Amino acid sequence: MYNGRFCLVNEAMTIGTSLENLCETGNTAEELRARLKDLFKKEFTIEEAHRRSENLKVRYDNIVNGEKMVALIYKP
């Protein structure tokens, strides 16, 4: 998600992930097909990439999460 453009998923894939606002969704084959056709025409802007990156950093940053794990392991 850091390097790609649009992420098209069904709603079940985002439950409990906090990624709902970063993904395009559809639940049926017809919905997914229609969304995909729309996305082919849609420009992915620098602003959208920045917003996604900032949102992902909050919960999915490898360095931050690694530091949290180390802190848990070496907690006095």
C-alpha atoms as a PDB file:
ATOM      1  CA  MET A   1       0.000   0.000   0.000  1.00  0.00           C
ATOM      2  CA  TYR A   2       2.964   2.335   0.401  1.00  0.00           C
ATOM      3  CA  ASN A   3       4.047   2.035  -3.225  1.00  0.00           C
ATOM      4  CA  GLY A   4       0.895   1.185  -5.137  1.00  0.00           C
ATOM      5  CA  ARG A   5      -1.945   3.273  -6.387  1.00  0.00           C
ATOM      6  CA  PHE A   6      -5.490   2.226  -5.588  1.00  0.00           C
ATOM      7  CA  CYS A   7      -6.261  -0.745  -3.404  1.00  0.00           C
ATOM      8  CA  LEU A   8      -9.524  -2.459  -4.397  1.00  0.00           C
ATOM      9  CA  VAL A   9     -10.840  -4.909  -1.799  1.00  0.00           C
ATOM     10  CA  ASN A  10     -14.062  -6.217  -0.352  1.00  0.00           C
ATOM     11  CA  GLU A  11     -15.204  -4.709   2.947  1.00  0.00           C
ATOM     12  CA  ALA A  12     -14.379  -7.863   4.921  1.00  0.00           C
ATOM     13  CA  MET A  13     -10.688  -7.359   4.114  1.00  0.00           C
ATOM     14  CA  THR A  14     -10.554  -4.061   5.991  1.00  0.00           C
ATOM     15  CA  ILE A  15     -12.408  -5.024   9.182  1.00  0.00           C
ATOM     16  CA  GLY A  16     -10.269  -4.198  12.203  1.00  0.00           C
ATOM     17  CA  THR A  17      -7.427  -2.763  10.133  1.00  0.00           C
ATOM     18  CA  SER A  18      -8.162   0.985  10.181  1.00  0.00           C
ATOM     19  CA  LEU A  19      -7.605   0.908   6.404  1.00  0.00           C
ATOM     20  CA  GLU A  20     -11.221   1.510   5.400  1.00  0.00           C
ATOM     21  CA  ASN A  21     -10.600   5.099   4.339  1.00  0.00           C
ATOM     22  CA  LEU A  22      -7.530   4.140   2.274  1.00  0.00           C
ATOM     23  CA  CYS A  23      -9.112   1.397   0.168  1.00  0.00           C
ATOM     24  CA  GLU A  24     -11.699   1.277  -2.570  1.00  0.00           C
ATOM     25  CA  THR A  25     -14.339  -1.347  -1.826  1.00  0.00           C
ATOM     26  CA  GLY A  26     -16.904  -3.521  -3.515  1.00  0.00           C
ATOM     27  CA  ASN A  27     -18.546  -6.668  -2.224  1.00  0.00           C
ATOM     28  CA  THR A  28     -19.890  -8.396  -5.296  1.00  0.00           C
ATOM     29  CA  ALA A  29     -18.224  -9.242  -8.582  1.00  0.00           C
ATOM     30  CA  GLU A  30     -20.345  -6.586 -10.257  1.00  0.00           C
ATOM     31  CA  GLU A  31     -19.405  -3.921  -7.697  1.00  0.00           C
ATOM     32  CA  LEU A  32     -15.718  -4.769  -7.943  1.00  0.00           C
ATOM     33  CA  ARG A  33     -15.816  -4.731 -11.740  1.00  0.00           C
ATOM     34  CA  ALA A  34     -17.564  -1.327 -11.749  1.00  0.00           C
ATOM     35  CA  ARG A  35     -15.110   0.147  -9.211  1.00  0.00           C
ATOM     36  CA  LEU A  36     -12.171  -1.176 -11.231  1.00  0.00           C
ATOM     37  CA  LYS A  37     -13.477   0.481 -14.393  1.00  0.00           C
ATOM     38  CA  ASP A  38     -13.879   3.759 -12.483  1.00  0.00           C
ATOM     39  CA  LEU A  39     -10.373   3.515 -11.019  1.00  0.00           C
ATOM     40  CA  PHE A  40      -8.786   3.059 -14.445  1.00  0.00           C
ATOM     41  CA  LYS A  41     -10.059   6.545 -15.283  1.00  0.00           C
ATOM     42  CA  LYS A  42      -9.182   8.159 -11.935  1.00  0.00           C
ATOM     43  CA  GLU A  43      -5.909   9.972 -11.355  1.00  0.00           C
ATOM     44  CA  PHE A  44      -3.932   9.012  -8.260  1.00  0.00           C
ATOM     45  CA  THR A  45      -2.553  12.286  -6.946  1.00  0.00           C
ATOM     46  CA  ILE A  46       0.504  13.095  -4.886  1.00  0.00           C
ATOM     47  CA  GLU A  47      -1.855  14.337  -2.177  1.00  0.00           C
ATOM     48  CA  GLU A  48      -3.570  10.943  -2.018  1.00  0.00           C
ATOM     49  CA  ALA A  49      -0.217   9.173  -1.809  1.00  0.00           C
ATOM     50  CA  HIS A  50       0.876  11.471   1.020  1.00  0.00           C
ATOM     51  CA  ARG A  51      -2.406  10.990   2.915  1.00  0.00           C
ATOM     52  CA  ARG A  52      -2.094   7.215   2.590  1.00  0.00           C
ATOM     53  CA  SER A  53       1.529   7.238   3.733  1.00  0.00           C
ATOM     54  CA  GLU A  54       0.733   9.361   6.786  1.00  0.00           C
ATOM     55  CA  ASN A  55      -2.204   7.128   7.731  1.00  0.00           C
ATOM     56  CA  LEU A  56      -0.166   3.948   7.319  1.00  0.00           C
ATOM     57  CA  LYS A  57       2.673   5.285   9.487  1.00  0.00           C
ATOM     58  CA  VAL A  58       0.332   5.572  12.460  1.00  0.00           C
ATOM     59  CA  ARG A  59      -0.247   1.837  12.717  1.00  0.00           C
ATOM     60  CA  TYR A  60       1.866  -0.037  10.174  1.00  0.00           C
ATOM     61  CA  ASP A  61       5.347   1.522  10.316  1.00  0.00           C
ATOM     62  CA  ASN A  62       7.900  -1.318  10.581  1.00  0.00           C
ATOM     63  CA  ILE A  63      10.464   0.727  12.497  1.00  0.00           C
ATOM     64  CA  VAL A  64       7.973   2.019  15.039  1.00  0.00           C
ATOM     65  CA  ASN A  65       6.437  -1.415  15.532  1.00  0.00           C
ATOM     66  CA  GLY A  66       9.887  -3.010  15.807  1.00  0.00           C
ATOM     67  CA  GLU A  67      10.816  -0.520  18.520  1.00  0.00           C
ATOM     68  CA  LYS A  68       7.597  -1.363  20.366  1.00  0.00           C
ATOM     69  CA  MET A  69       8.444  -5.059  20.225  1.00  0.00           C
ATOM     70  CA  VAL A  70      11.969  -4.482  21.485  1.00  0.00           C
ATOM     71  CA  ALA A  71      10.607  -2.370  24.335  1.00  0.00           C
ATOM     72  CA  LEU A  72       8.235  -5.193  25.298  1.00  0.00           C
ATOM     73  CA  ILE A  73      10.988  -7.808  25.189  1.00  0.00           C
ATOM     74  CA  TYR A  74      13.498  -5.777  27.189  1.00  0.00           C
ATOM     75  CA  LYS A  75      11.043  -4.159  29.566  1.00  0.00           C
ATOM     76  CA  PRO A  76      12.678  -3.952  33.027  1.00  0.00           C
END
